[in-house]
């Protein structure tokens, strides 16, 4: 399966110490240069992502251009724009991103978008994780991950951890 990742998913999984889930689920993960730069900048900060490293299985892949449908969307940051453009150009099976605007743009372009929570559920369902709830709690409390209570509940239901 060919996937392209945006910065947020990589940072959040690395924060949880679960970045290896990506290689277990997908093998190699492509990232555009801007995503690698954003990851490095966040890892060099003194914040919650300080000291993290871009996973070695990530393949930094150059993009040639950003299609107008992506470049003209003012809601996207440069990492999201490059990730979406790369996903289109290499005909990725999915793009990994969390932000609503990026997910909406991906859907409008006919791409499958998978976020951090979806990855955790997939990893549990595939036998790579025993539980999603402790990781989700850590993301919410220590990682300051913002998500609605309804999405938290839906995630835990999809993971089989709530009725």
Foldseek 3Di string as FASTA:
>chain_A
DAEEEAQPLQQLCQLLVNNVLCCVVPNAYEFEPVRQVVLVVVCVDPDSSDVGHRDPSYHHDYADDFDPLLVVDPVDDPRLRRRLRVCVVVVGQEYEDDDPVSCVSCVVVVHHYAYNLNSLLVCLVVPNDVADVVSVVCCVPVVVDDDDPVVVVVSCVSSVNHD
